[in-house]
PDB file of all heavy atoms in Angstrom:
ATOM      1  N   ARG A   1    -234.002 -15.616 -42.796  1.00  0.00           N
ATOM      2  CA  ARG A   1    -233.811 -15.761 -41.360  1.00  0.00           C
ATOM      3  C   ARG A   1    -234.157 -17.178 -40.850  1.00  0.00           C
ATOM      4  O   ARG A   1    -234.984 -17.866 -41.447  1.00  0.00           O
ATOM      5  CB  ARG A   1    -234.703 -14.763 -40.619  1.00  0.00           C
ATOM      6  CG  ARG A   1    -234.497 -13.306 -40.952  1.00  0.00           C
ATOM      7  CD  ARG A   1    -235.485 -12.475 -40.156  1.00  0.00           C
ATOM      8  NE  ARG A   1    -235.341 -12.650 -38.745  1.00  0.00           N
ATOM      9  CZ  ARG A   1    -234.535 -11.956 -37.988  1.00  0.00           C
ATOM     10  NH1 ARG A   1    -233.780 -11.021 -38.473  1.00  0.00           N
ATOM     11  NH2 ARG A   1    -234.456 -12.171 -36.682  1.00  0.00           N
ATOM     12  N   GLN A   2    -233.573 -17.515 -39.723  1.00  0.00           N
ATOM     13  CA  GLN A   2    -233.843 -18.795 -39.105  1.00  0.00           C
ATOM     14  C   GLN A   2    -235.016 -18.766 -38.179  1.00  0.00           C
ATOM     15  O   GLN A   2    -235.652 -19.778 -37.878  1.00  0.00           O
ATOM     16  CB  GLN A   2    -232.604 -19.287 -38.340  1.00  0.00           C
ATOM     17  CG  GLN A   2    -231.389 -19.554 -39.230  1.00  0.00           C
ATOM     18  CD  GLN A   2    -231.690 -20.615 -40.254  1.00  0.00           C
ATOM     19  OE1 GLN A   2    -232.148 -21.717 -39.973  1.00  0.00           O
ATOM     20  NE2 GLN A   2    -231.400 -20.311 -41.538  1.00  0.00           N
ATOM     21  N   GLY A   3    -235.357 -17.582 -37.658  1.00  0.00           N
ATOM     22  CA  GLY A   3    -236.467 -17.413 -36.727  1.00  0.00           C
ATOM     23  C   GLY A   3    -237.147 -16.043 -36.884  1.00  0.00           C
ATOM     24  O   GLY A   3    -236.693 -15.203 -37.637  1.00  0.00           O
ATOM     25  N   ALA A   4    -238.217 -15.903 -36.185  1.00  0.00           N
ATOM     26  CA  ALA A   4    -238.998 -14.658 -36.241  1.00  0.00           C
ATOM     27  C   ALA A   4    -238.268 -13.572 -35.422  1.00  0.00           C
ATOM     28  O   ALA A   4    -237.435 -13.833 -34.599  1.00  0.00           O
ATOM     29  CB  ALA A   4    -240.378 -14.932 -35.625  1.00  0.00           C
ATOM     30  N   PHE A   5    -238.650 -12.319 -35.745  1.00  0.00           N
ATOM     31  CA  PHE A   5    -238.160 -11.185 -34.978  1.00  0.00           C
ATOM     32  C   PHE A   5    -239.318 -10.430 -34.383  1.00  0.00           C
ATOM     33  O   PHE A   5    -240.458 -10.465 -34.929  1.00  0.00           O
ATOM     34  CB  PHE A   5    -237.281 -10.257 -35.843  1.00  0.00           C
ATOM     35  CG  PHE A   5    -237.962  -9.535 -36.900  1.00  0.00           C
ATOM     36  CD1 PHE A   5    -238.582  -8.280 -36.672  1.00  0.00           C
ATOM     37  CD2 PHE A   5    -237.971 -10.037 -38.213  1.00  0.00           C
ATOM     38  CE1 PHE A   5    -239.197  -7.591 -37.693  1.00  0.00           C
ATOM     39  CE2 PHE A   5    -238.623  -9.312 -39.221  1.00  0.00           C
ATOM     40  CZ  PHE A   5    -239.214  -8.142 -38.979  1.00  0.00           C
ATOM     41  N   SER A   6    -239.080  -9.766 -33.258  1.00  0.00           N
ATOM     42  CA  SER A   6    -240.119  -8.997 -32.576  1.00  0.00           C
ATOM     43  C   SER A   6    -240.447  -7.811 -33.443  1.00  0.00           C
ATOM     44  O   SER A   6    -239.595  -7.100 -33.941  1.00  0.00           O
ATOM     45  CB  SER A   6    -239.571  -8.554 -31.218  1.00  0.00           C
ATOM     46  OG  SER A   6    -240.507  -7.682 -30.609  1.00  0.00           O
ATOM     47  N   GLY A   7    -241.731  -7.539 -33.597  1.00  0.00           N
ATOM     48  CA  GLY A   7    -242.195  -6.490 -34.527  1.00  0.00           C
ATOM     49  C   GLY A   7    -242.444  -5.170 -33.831  1.00  0.00           C
ATOM     50  O   GLY A   7    -243.131  -4.304 -34.393  1.00  0.00           O
ATOM     51  N   ASP A   8    -241.847  -4.935 -32.634  1.00  0.00           N
ATOM     52  CA  ASP A   8    -242.207  -3.712 -31.886  1.00  0.00           C
ATOM     53  C   ASP A   8    -241.158  -2.596 -31.956  1.00  0.00           C
ATOM     54  O   ASP A   8    -240.940  -1.894 -31.015  1.00  0.00           O
ATOM     55  CB  ASP A   8    -242.494  -4.053 -30.459  1.00  0.00           C
ATOM     56  CG  ASP A   8    -241.294  -4.645 -29.731  1.00  0.00           C
ATOM     57  OD1 ASP A   8    -240.261  -4.883 -30.367  1.00  0.00           O
ATOM     58  OD2 ASP A   8    -241.449  -4.927 -28.492  1.00  0.00           O
ATOM     59  N   GLY A   9    -240.519  -2.475 -33.131  1.00  0.00           N
ATOM     60  CA  GLY A   9    -239.668  -1.328 -33.359  1.00  0.00           C
ATOM     61  C   GLY A   9    -238.265  -1.423 -32.740  1.00  0.00           C
ATOM     62  O   GLY A   9    -237.599  -0.375 -32.656  1.00  0.00           O
ATOM     63  N   GLN A  10    -237.802  -2.594 -32.445  1.00  0.00           N
ATOM     64  CA  GLN A  10    -236.465  -2.671 -31.808  1.00  0.00           C
ATOM     65  C   GLN A  10    -235.405  -3.180 -32.868  1.00  0.00           C
ATOM     66  O   GLN A  10    -234.248  -2.886 -32.664  1.00  0.00           O
ATOM     67  CB  GLN A  10    -236.496  -3.613 -30.628  1.00  0.00           C
ATOM     68  CG  GLN A  10    -237.414  -3.031 -29.495  1.00  0.00           C
ATOM     69  CD  GLN A  10    -237.463  -3.924 -28.293  1.00  0.00           C
ATOM     70  OE1 GLN A  10    -236.403  -4.346 -27.820  1.00  0.00           O
ATOM     71  NE2 GLN A  10    -238.645  -4.169 -27.781  1.00  0.00           N
ATOM     72  N   LEU A  11    -235.828  -3.824 -33.914  1.00  0.00           N
ATOM     73  CA  LEU A  11    -234.883  -4.325 -34.901  1.00  0.00           C
ATOM     74  C   LEU A  11    -234.487  -3.185 -35.841  1.00  0.00           C
ATOM     75  O   LEU A  11    -235.256  -2.350 -36.258  1.00  0.00           O
ATOM     76  CB  LEU A  11    -235.566  -5.457 -35.716  1.00  0.00           C
ATOM     77  CG  LEU A  11    -234.654  -6.107 -36.733  1.00  0.00           C
ATOM     78  CD1 LEU A  11    -233.562  -6.920 -36.062  1.00  0.00           C
ATOM     79  CD2 LEU A  11    -235.493  -7.040 -37.629  1.00  0.00           C
ATOM     80  N   ARG A  12    -233.159  -3.100 -36.118  1.00  0.00           N
ATOM     81  CA  ARG A  12    -232.632  -2.043 -36.942  1.00  0.00           C
ATOM     82  C   ARG A  12    -231.920  -2.614 -38.213  1.00  0.00           C
ATOM     83  O   ARG A  12    -230.714  -2.579 -38.320  1.00  0.00           O
ATOM     84  CB  ARG A  12    -231.567  -1.237 -36.169  1.00  0.00           C
ATOM     85  CG  ARG A  12    -232.069  -0.598 -34.942  1.00  0.00           C
ATOM     86  CD  ARG A  12    -230.945  -0.084 -34.060  1.00  0.00           C
ATOM     87  NE  ARG A  12    -229.979   0.653 -34.818  1.00  0.00           N
ATOM     88  CZ  ARG A  12    -229.404   1.793 -34.420  1.00  0.00           C
ATOM     89  NH1 ARG A  12    -229.679   2.256 -33.251  1.00  0.00           N
ATOM     90  NH2 ARG A  12    -228.511   2.369 -35.192  1.00  0.00           N
ATOM     91  N   PRO A  13    -232.701  -3.157 -39.115  1.00  0.00           N
ATOM     92  CA  PRO A  13    -232.110  -3.760 -40.299  1.00  0.00           C
ATOM     93  C   PRO A  13    -231.534  -2.703 -41.273  1.00  0.00           C
ATOM     94  O   PRO A  13    -231.913  -1.541 -41.227  1.00  0.00           O
ATOM     95  CB  PRO A  13    -233.199  -4.515 -40.934  1.00  0.00           C
ATOM     96  CG  PRO A  13    -234.476  -3.787 -40.542  1.00  0.00           C
ATOM     97  CD  PRO A  13    -234.187  -3.283 -39.156  1.00  0.00           C
ATOM     98  N   LEU A  14    -230.617  -3.181 -42.128  1.00  0.00           N
ATOM     99  CA  LEU A  14    -230.091  -2.343 -43.207  1.00  0.00           C
ATOM    100  C   LEU A  14    -230.979  -2.494 -44.455  1.00  0.00           C
ATOM    101  O   LEU A  14    -231.429  -3.621 -44.737  1.00  0.00           O
ATOM    102  CB  LEU A  14    -228.633  -2.832 -43.539  1.00  0.00           C
ATOM    103  CG  LEU A  14    -227.628  -2.628 -42.397  1.00  0.00           C
ATOM    104  CD1 LEU A  14    -226.338  -3.335 -42.770  1.00  0.00           C
ATOM    105  CD2 LEU A  14    -227.407  -1.139 -42.161  1.00  0.00           C
ATOM    106  N   TRP A  15    -231.201  -1.423 -45.194  1.00  0.00           N
ATOM    107  CA  TRP A  15    -232.050  -1.385 -46.321  1.00  0.00           C
ATOM    108  C   TRP A  15    -231.302  -0.941 -47.516  1.00  0.00           C
ATOM    109  O   TRP A  15    -230.615   0.073 -47.470  1.00  0.00           O
ATOM    110  CB  TRP A  15    -233.256  -0.480 -46.068  1.00  0.00           C
ATOM    111  CG  TRP A  15    -234.076  -0.884 -44.886  1.00  0.00           C
ATOM    112  CD1 TRP A  15    -233.843  -0.528 -43.589  1.00  0.00           C
ATOM    113  CD2 TRP A  15    -235.216  -1.678 -44.892  1.00  0.00           C
ATOM    114  NE1 TRP A  15    -234.810  -1.092 -42.793  1.00  0.00           N
ATOM    115  CE2 TRP A  15    -235.662  -1.821 -43.547  1.00  0.00           C
ATOM    116  CE3 TRP A  15    -235.929  -2.344 -45.897  1.00  0.00           C
ATOM    117  CZ2 TRP A  15    -236.752  -2.546 -43.205  1.00  0.00           C
ATOM    118  CZ3 TRP A  15    -237.036  -3.084 -45.522  1.00  0.00           C
ATOM    119  CH2 TRP A  15    -237.483  -3.187 -44.186  1.00  0.00           C
ATOM    120  N   ASP A  16    -231.435  -1.660 -48.607  1.00  0.00           N
ATOM    121  CA  ASP A  16    -230.853  -1.195 -49.900  1.00  0.00           C
ATOM    122  C   ASP A  16    -231.954  -0.534 -50.696  1.00  0.00           C
ATOM    123  O   ASP A  16    -232.826  -1.220 -51.236  1.00  0.00           O
ATOM    124  CB  ASP A  16    -230.273  -2.403 -50.679  1.00  0.00           C
ATOM    125  CG  ASP A  16    -229.657  -2.018 -51.966  1.00  0.00           C
ATOM    126  OD1 ASP A  16    -229.686  -0.814 -52.351  1.00  0.00           O
ATOM    127  OD2 ASP A  16    -229.072  -2.905 -52.652  1.00  0.00           O
ATOM    128  N   ILE A  17    -231.948   0.786 -50.743  1.00  0.00           N
ATOM    129  CA  ILE A  17    -232.978   1.524 -51.452  1.00  0.00           C
ATOM    130  C   ILE A  17    -232.425   2.183 -52.705  1.00  0.00           C
ATOM    131  O   ILE A  17    -233.019   3.074 -53.302  1.00  0.00           O
ATOM    132  CB  ILE A  17    -233.619   2.592 -50.525  1.00  0.00           C
ATOM    133  CG1 ILE A  17    -232.579   3.590 -50.004  1.00  0.00           C
ATOM    134  CG2 ILE A  17    -234.357   1.936 -49.363  1.00  0.00           C
ATOM    135  CD1 ILE A  17    -233.196   4.819 -49.284  1.00  0.00           C
ATOM    136  N   GLY A  18    -231.239   1.690 -53.151  1.00  0.00           N
ATOM    137  CA  GLY A  18    -230.680   2.146 -54.394  1.00  0.00           C
ATOM    138  C   GLY A  18    -229.649   3.281 -54.288  1.00  0.00           C
ATOM    139  O   GLY A  18    -229.139   3.753 -55.309  1.00  0.00           O
ATOM    140  N   ASN A  19    -229.385   3.737 -53.094  1.00  0.00           N
ATOM    141  CA  ASN A  19    -228.381   4.814 -52.922  1.00  0.00           C
ATOM    142  C   ASN A  19    -226.923   4.272 -53.155  1.00  0.00           C
ATOM    143  O   ASN A  19    -226.702   3.095 -52.985  1.00  0.00           O
ATOM    144  CB  ASN A  19    -228.384   5.389 -51.493  1.00  0.00           C
ATOM    145  CG  ASN A  19    -229.674   6.217 -51.284  1.00  0.00           C
ATOM    146  OD1 ASN A  19    -230.267   6.693 -52.225  1.00  0.00           O
ATOM    147  ND2 ASN A  19    -230.053   6.347 -50.039  1.00  0.00           N
ATOM    148  N   ARG A  20    -226.118   5.162 -53.603  1.00  0.00           N
ATOM    149  CA  ARG A  20    -224.695   4.790 -53.898  1.00  0.00           C
ATOM    150  C   ARG A  20    -223.745   5.758 -53.148  1.00  0.00           C
ATOM    151  O   ARG A  20    -224.154   6.911 -52.937  1.00  0.00           O
ATOM    152  CB  ARG A  20    -224.391   4.920 -55.374  1.00  0.00           C
ATOM    153  CG  ARG A  20    -225.183   3.934 -56.233  1.00  0.00           C
ATOM    154  CD  ARG A  20    -224.664   2.561 -56.123  1.00  0.00           C
ATOM    155  NE  ARG A  20    -225.417   1.650 -56.929  1.00  0.00           N
ATOM    156  CZ  ARG A  20    -225.507   0.337 -56.617  1.00  0.00           C
ATOM    157  NH1 ARG A  20    -224.905  -0.145 -55.577  1.00  0.00           N
ATOM    158  NH2 ARG A  20    -226.233  -0.482 -57.334  1.00  0.00           N
ATOM    159  N   THR A  21    -222.619   5.272 -52.747  1.00  0.00           N
ATOM    160  CA  THR A  21    -221.626   6.150 -52.127  1.00  0.00           C
ATOM    161  C   THR A  21    -220.969   6.977 -53.269  1.00  0.00           C
ATOM    162  O   THR A  21    -221.212   6.768 -54.420  1.00  0.00           O
ATOM    163  CB  THR A  21    -220.548   5.308 -51.456  1.00  0.00           C
ATOM    164  OG1 THR A  21    -219.814   4.536 -52.406  1.00  0.00           O
ATOM    165  CG2 THR A  21    -221.129   4.426 -50.346  1.00  0.00           C
ATOM    166  N   SER A  22    -220.132   7.920 -52.845  1.00  0.00           N
ATOM    167  CA  SER A  22    -219.472   8.847 -53.862  1.00  0.00           C
ATOM    168  C   SER A  22    -218.615   8.057 -54.827  1.00  0.00           C
ATOM    169  O   SER A  22    -218.416   8.470 -55.976  1.00  0.00           O
ATOM    170  CB  SER A  22    -218.638   9.866 -53.144  1.00  0.00           C
ATOM    171  OG  SER A  22    -217.692   9.278 -52.320  1.00  0.00           O
ATOM    172  N   ASP A  23    -218.098   6.841 -54.437  1.00  0.00           N
ATOM    173  CA  ASP A  23    -217.288   6.055 -55.296  1.00  0.00           C
ATOM    174  C   ASP A  23    -218.102   4.970 -56.075  1.00  0.00           C
ATOM    175  O   ASP A  23    -217.553   4.048 -56.652  1.00  0.00           O
ATOM    176  CB  ASP A  23    -216.064   5.446 -54.607  1.00  0.00           C
ATOM    177  CG  ASP A  23    -216.466   4.568 -53.444  1.00  0.00           C
ATOM    178  OD1 ASP A  23    -217.709   4.486 -53.116  1.00  0.00           O
ATOM    179  OD2 ASP A  23    -215.532   3.911 -52.868  1.00  0.00           O
ATOM    180  N   GLY A  24    -219.451   5.053 -55.990  1.00  0.00           N
ATOM    181  CA  GLY A  24    -220.270   4.188 -56.738  1.00  0.00           C
ATOM    182  C   GLY A  24    -220.698   2.898 -56.059  1.00  0.00           C
ATOM    183  O   GLY A  24    -221.416   2.071 -56.685  1.00  0.00           O
ATOM    184  N   GLU A  25    -220.227   2.688 -54.873  1.00  0.00           N
ATOM    185  CA  GLU A  25    -220.552   1.438 -54.116  1.00  0.00           C
ATOM    186  C   GLU A  25    -221.967   1.514 -53.558  1.00  0.00           C
ATOM    187  O   GLU A  25    -222.517   2.597 -53.338  1.00  0.00           O
ATOM    188  CB  GLU A  25    -219.550   1.187 -53.002  1.00  0.00           C
ATOM    189  CG  GLU A  25    -218.119   0.972 -53.426  1.00  0.00           C
ATOM    190  CD  GLU A  25    -217.976  -0.291 -54.198  1.00  0.00           C
ATOM    191  OE1 GLU A  25    -218.565  -1.347 -53.837  1.00  0.00           O
ATOM    192  OE2 GLU A  25    -217.260  -0.327 -55.238  1.00  0.00           O
ATOM    193  N   ARG A  26    -222.524   0.379 -53.361  1.00  0.00           N
ATOM    194  CA  ARG A  26    -223.909   0.277 -52.777  1.00  0.00           C
ATOM    195  C   ARG A  26    -223.833   0.871 -51.364  1.00  0.00           C
ATOM    196  O   ARG A  26    -222.949   0.561 -50.597  1.00  0.00           O
ATOM    197  CB  ARG A  26    -224.335  -1.184 -52.730  1.00  0.00           C
ATOM    198  CG  ARG A  26    -225.777  -1.368 -52.249  1.00  0.00           C
ATOM    199  CD  ARG A  26    -226.151  -2.757 -52.362  1.00  0.00           C
ATOM    200  NE  ARG A  26    -225.400  -3.627 -51.486  1.00  0.00           N
ATOM    201  CZ  ARG A  26    -225.746  -4.846 -51.092  1.00  0.00           C
ATOM    202  NH1 ARG A  26    -226.813  -5.410 -51.560  1.00  0.00           N
ATOM    203  NH2 ARG A  26    -224.979  -5.532 -50.296  1.00  0.00           N
ATOM    204  N   ASP A  27    -224.839   1.732 -51.031  1.00  0.00           N
ATOM    205  CA  ASP A  27    -224.906   2.381 -49.717  1.00  0.00           C
ATOM    206  C   ASP A  27    -226.160   1.872 -49.022  1.00  0.00           C
ATOM    207  O   ASP A  27    -227.251   2.094 -49.541  1.00  0.00           O
ATOM    208  CB  ASP A  27    -224.914   3.887 -49.854  1.00  0.00           C
ATOM    209  CG  ASP A  27    -224.672   4.652 -48.565  1.00  0.00           C
ATOM    210  OD1 ASP A  27    -224.240   4.021 -47.603  1.00  0.00           O
ATOM    211  OD2 ASP A  27    -224.941   5.853 -48.550  1.00  0.00           O
ATOM    212  N   LEU A  28    -225.981   1.246 -47.884  1.00  0.00           N
ATOM    213  CA  LEU A  28    -227.159   0.741 -47.097  1.00  0.00           C
ATOM    214  C   LEU A  28    -227.585   1.731 -46.105  1.00  0.00           C
ATOM    215  O   LEU A  28    -226.796   2.483 -45.545  1.00  0.00           O
ATOM    216  CB  LEU A  28    -226.827  -0.598 -46.447  1.00  0.00           C
ATOM    217  CG  LEU A  28    -226.372  -1.694 -47.422  1.00  0.00           C
ATOM    218  CD1 LEU A  28    -225.969  -2.931 -46.603  1.00  0.00           C
ATOM    219  CD2 LEU A  28    -227.468  -2.054 -48.408  1.00  0.00           C
ATOM    220  N   ASN A  29    -228.886   1.792 -45.828  1.00  0.00           N
ATOM    221  CA  ASN A  29    -229.486   2.713 -44.857  1.00  0.00           C
ATOM    222  C   ASN A  29    -230.139   2.000 -43.765  1.00  0.00           C
ATOM    223  O   ASN A  29    -230.671   0.891 -43.919  1.00  0.00           O
ATOM    224  CB  ASN A  29    -230.470   3.630 -45.582  1.00  0.00           C
ATOM    225  CG  ASN A  29    -229.843   4.392 -46.729  1.00  0.00           C
ATOM    226  OD1 ASN A  29    -229.871   3.955 -47.868  1.00  0.00           O
ATOM    227  ND2 ASN A  29    -229.229   5.513 -46.461  1.00  0.00           N
ATOM    228  N   ILE A  30    -230.167   2.592 -42.588  1.00  0.00           N
ATOM    229  CA  ILE A  30    -230.720   1.950 -41.381  1.00  0.00           C
ATOM    230  C   ILE A  30    -232.102   2.566 -41.072  1.00  0.00           C
ATOM    231  O   ILE A  30    -232.275   3.758 -41.112  1.00  0.00           O
ATOM    232  CB  ILE A  30    -229.819   2.122 -40.153  1.00  0.00           C
ATOM    233  CG1 ILE A  30    -228.421   1.548 -40.438  1.00  0.00           C
ATOM    234  CG2 ILE A  30    -230.444   1.491 -38.902  1.00  0.00           C
ATOM    235  CD1 ILE A  30    -227.425   1.858 -39.340  1.00  0.00           C
ATOM    236  N   ALA A  31    -233.016   1.671 -40.780  1.00  0.00           N
ATOM    237  CA  ALA A  31    -234.372   2.089 -40.307  1.00  0.00           C
ATOM    238  C   ALA A  31    -234.885   1.034 -39.353  1.00  0.00           C
ATOM    239  O   ALA A  31    -234.780  -0.136 -39.566  1.00  0.00           O
ATOM    240  CB  ALA A  31    -235.301   2.197 -41.476  1.00  0.00           C
ATOM    241  N   LEU A  32    -235.455   1.537 -38.235  1.00  0.00           N
ATOM    242  CA  LEU A  32    -236.168   0.669 -37.323  1.00  0.00           C
ATOM    243  C   LEU A  32    -237.425   0.167 -37.997  1.00  0.00           C
ATOM    244  O   LEU A  32    -237.943   0.824 -38.872  1.00  0.00           O
ATOM    245  CB  LEU A  32    -236.554   1.420 -36.049  1.00  0.00           C
ATOM    246  CG  LEU A  32    -235.374   1.918 -35.177  1.00  0.00           C
ATOM    247  CD1 LEU A  32    -235.915   2.909 -34.197  1.00  0.00           C
ATOM    248  CD2 LEU A  32    -234.724   0.763 -34.492  1.00  0.00           C
ATOM    249  N   ILE A  33    -237.895  -1.005 -37.585  1.00  0.00           N
ATOM    250  CA  ILE A  33    -239.068  -1.587 -38.236  1.00  0.00           C
ATOM    251  C   ILE A  33    -240.138  -1.938 -37.195  1.00  0.00           C
ATOM    252  O   ILE A  33    -239.814  -2.522 -36.159  1.00  0.00           O
ATOM    253  CB  ILE A  33    -238.667  -2.830 -39.067  1.00  0.00           C
ATOM    254  CG1 ILE A  33    -239.822  -3.389 -39.815  1.00  0.00           C
ATOM    255  CG2 ILE A  33    -238.020  -3.908 -38.236  1.00  0.00           C
ATOM    256  CD1 ILE A  33    -239.485  -4.425 -40.864  1.00  0.00           C
ATOM    257  N   TRP A  34    -241.377  -1.532 -37.466  1.00  0.00           N
ATOM    258  CA  TRP A  34    -242.502  -1.885 -36.624  1.00  0.00           C
ATOM    259  C   TRP A  34    -243.495  -2.664 -37.493  1.00  0.00           C
ATOM    260  O   TRP A  34    -243.947  -2.182 -38.539  1.00  0.00           O
ATOM    261  CB  TRP A  34    -243.206  -0.617 -36.118  1.00  0.00           C
ATOM    262  CG  TRP A  34    -244.239  -0.932 -35.068  1.00  0.00           C
ATOM    263  CD1 TRP A  34    -245.477  -1.466 -35.276  1.00  0.00           C
ATOM    264  CD2 TRP A  34    -244.117  -0.712 -33.693  1.00  0.00           C
ATOM    265  NE1 TRP A  34    -246.116  -1.675 -34.086  1.00  0.00           N
ATOM    266  CE2 TRP A  34    -245.309  -1.174 -33.096  1.00  0.00           C
ATOM    267  CE3 TRP A  34    -243.134  -0.168 -32.868  1.00  0.00           C
ATOM    268  CZ2 TRP A  34    -245.572  -1.087 -31.719  1.00  0.00           C
ATOM    269  CZ3 TRP A  34    -243.373  -0.114 -31.519  1.00  0.00           C
ATOM    270  CH2 TRP A  34    -244.578  -0.596 -30.983  1.00  0.00           C
ATOM    271  N   VAL A  35    -243.765  -3.882 -37.095  1.00  0.00           N
ATOM    272  CA  VAL A  35    -244.722  -4.743 -37.840  1.00  0.00           C
ATOM    273  C   VAL A  35    -246.125  -4.400 -37.369  1.00  0.00           C
ATOM    274  O   VAL A  35    -246.425  -4.452 -36.192  1.00  0.00           O
ATOM    275  CB  VAL A  35    -244.405  -6.221 -37.601  1.00  0.00           C
ATOM    276  CG1 VAL A  35    -245.409  -7.096 -38.356  1.00  0.00           C
ATOM    277  CG2 VAL A  35    -242.984  -6.572 -38.017  1.00  0.00           C
ATOM    278  N   GLU A  36    -246.973  -4.043 -38.318  1.00  0.00           N
ATOM    279  CA  GLU A  36    -248.343  -3.666 -37.944  1.00  0.00           C
ATOM    280  C   GLU A  36    -249.200  -4.927 -37.742  1.00  0.00           C
ATOM    281  O   GLU A  36    -249.077  -5.865 -38.542  1.00  0.00           O
ATOM    282  CB  GLU A  36    -248.987  -2.793 -39.045  1.00  0.00           C
ATOM    283  CG  GLU A  36    -248.297  -1.423 -39.141  1.00  0.00           C
ATOM    284  CD  GLU A  36    -249.032  -0.497 -40.068  1.00  0.00           C
ATOM    285  OE1 GLU A  36    -249.157  -0.814 -41.239  1.00  0.00           O
ATOM    286  OE2 GLU A  36    -249.497   0.500 -39.534  1.00  0.00           O
ATOM    287  N   PHE A  37    -250.056  -4.922 -36.746  1.00  0.00           N
ATOM    288  CA  PHE A  37    -251.012  -5.975 -36.544  1.00  0.00           C
ATOM    289  C   PHE A  37    -250.460  -7.353 -36.259  1.00  0.00           C
ATOM    290  O   PHE A  37    -251.152  -8.303 -36.438  1.00  0.00           O
ATOM    291  CB  PHE A  37    -252.019  -6.034 -37.686  1.00  0.00           C
ATOM    292  CG  PHE A  37    -252.515  -4.651 -38.138  1.00  0.00           C
ATOM    293  CD1 PHE A  37    -252.164  -4.155 -39.374  1.00  0.00           C
ATOM    294  CD2 PHE A  37    -253.257  -3.857 -37.291  1.00  0.00           C
ATOM    295  CE1 PHE A  37    -252.602  -2.908 -39.782  1.00  0.00           C
ATOM    296  CE2 PHE A  37    -253.714  -2.624 -37.696  1.00  0.00           C
ATOM    297  CZ  PHE A  37    -253.388  -2.149 -38.957  1.00  0.00           C
ATOM    298  N   ALA A  38    -249.162  -7.428 -35.821  1.00  0.00           N
ATOM    299  CA  ALA A  38    -248.561  -8.687 -35.500  1.00  0.00           C
ATOM    300  C   ALA A  38    -247.485  -8.461 -34.444  1.00  0.00           C
ATOM    301  O   ALA A  38    -246.817  -7.432 -34.472  1.00  0.00           O
ATOM    302  CB  ALA A  38    -247.974  -9.389 -36.722  1.00  0.00           C
ATOM    303  N   GLN A  39    -247.312  -9.389 -33.545  1.00  0.00           N
ATOM    304  CA  GLN A  39    -246.282  -9.306 -32.540  1.00  0.00           C
ATOM    305  C   GLN A  39    -244.886  -9.586 -33.071  1.00  0.00           C
ATOM    306  O   GLN A  39    -243.899  -9.076 -32.543  1.00  0.00           O
ATOM    307  CB  GLN A  39    -246.570 -10.309 -31.409  1.00  0.00           C
ATOM    308  CG  GLN A  39    -247.929 -10.052 -30.729  1.00  0.00           C
ATOM    309  CD  GLN A  39    -247.693  -9.250 -29.436  1.00  0.00           C
ATOM    310  OE1 GLN A  39    -246.603  -9.307 -28.819  1.00  0.00           O
ATOM    311  NE2 GLN A  39    -248.713  -8.585 -29.022  1.00  0.00           N
ATOM    312  N   GLU A  40    -244.841 -10.403 -34.153  1.00  0.00           N
ATOM    313  CA  GLU A  40    -243.526 -10.743 -34.723  1.00  0.00           C
ATOM    314  C   GLU A  40    -243.739 -11.159 -36.171  1.00  0.00           C
ATOM    315  O   GLU A  40    -244.858 -11.338 -36.615  1.00  0.00           O
ATOM    316  CB  GLU A  40    -242.890 -11.942 -33.962  1.00  0.00           C
ATOM    317  CG  GLU A  40    -243.687 -13.180 -33.957  1.00  0.00           C
ATOM    318  CD  GLU A  40    -243.054 -14.268 -33.105  1.00  0.00           C
ATOM    319  OE1 GLU A  40    -242.226 -13.983 -32.215  1.00  0.00           O
ATOM    320  OE2 GLU A  40    -243.297 -15.484 -33.371  1.00  0.00           O
ATOM    321  N   LEU A  41    -242.617 -11.247 -36.870  1.00  0.00           N
ATOM    322  CA  LEU A  41    -242.665 -11.635 -38.271  1.00  0.00           C
ATOM    323  C   LEU A  41    -241.592 -12.719 -38.513  1.00  0.00           C
ATOM    324  O   LEU A  41    -240.435 -12.559 -38.082  1.00  0.00           O
ATOM    325  CB  LEU A  41    -242.380 -10.400 -39.174  1.00  0.00           C
ATOM    326  CG  LEU A  41    -242.544 -10.645 -40.696  1.00  0.00           C
ATOM    327  CD1 LEU A  41    -244.006 -10.982 -40.980  1.00  0.00           C
ATOM    328  CD2 LEU A  41    -242.096  -9.421 -41.436  1.00  0.00           C
ATOM    329  N   GLY A  42    -241.998 -13.845 -39.082  1.00  0.00           N
ATOM    330  CA  GLY A  42    -241.088 -14.956 -39.241  1.00  0.00           C
ATOM    331  C   GLY A  42    -240.767 -15.266 -40.681  1.00  0.00           C
ATOM    332  O   GLY A  42    -241.291 -14.644 -41.581  1.00  0.00           O
ATOM    333  N   PRO A  43    -239.861 -16.211 -40.868  1.00  0.00           N
ATOM    334  CA  PRO A  43    -239.401 -16.590 -42.229  1.00  0.00           C
ATOM    335  C   PRO A  43    -240.628 -16.980 -43.104  1.00  0.00           C
ATOM    336  O   PRO A  43    -241.507 -17.634 -42.698  1.00  0.00           O
ATOM    337  CB  PRO A  43    -238.541 -17.796 -41.993  1.00  0.00           C
ATOM    338  CG  PRO A  43    -238.083 -17.684 -40.580  1.00  0.00           C
ATOM    339  CD  PRO A  43    -239.198 -16.997 -39.845  1.00  0.00           C
ATOM    340  N   GLY A  44    -240.604 -16.399 -44.320  1.00  0.00           N
ATOM    341  CA  GLY A  44    -241.665 -16.692 -45.316  1.00  0.00           C
ATOM    342  C   GLY A  44    -242.954 -15.934 -45.102  1.00  0.00           C
ATOM    343  O   GLY A  44    -243.894 -16.073 -45.871  1.00  0.00           O
ATOM    344  N   GLU A  45    -243.028 -15.129 -44.067  1.00  0.00           N
ATOM    345  CA  GLU A  45    -244.282 -14.363 -43.757  1.00  0.00           C
ATOM    346  C   GLU A  45    -244.215 -12.989 -44.391  1.00  0.00           C
ATOM    347  O   GLU A  45    -243.212 -12.406 -44.685  1.00  0.00           O
ATOM    348  CB  GLU A  45    -244.465 -14.226 -42.270  1.00  0.00           C
ATOM    349  CG  GLU A  45    -244.662 -15.563 -41.587  1.00  0.00           C
ATOM    350  CD  GLU A  45    -244.906 -15.467 -40.054  1.00  0.00           C
ATOM    351  OE1 GLU A  45    -244.543 -14.413 -39.453  1.00  0.00           O
ATOM    352  OE2 GLU A  45    -245.424 -16.428 -39.523  1.00  0.00           O
TER     353      GLU A  45
END
């Protein structure tokens, strides 16, 4: 990333947890993210 994101549960990134579609393609899953003990999370943190 180029900048930090707010850690209060508003960001909805895609996650690759190893799931596959029926045709074998990578399947990404969505989960909101809450950063504990910090207002935001930045590059390299």
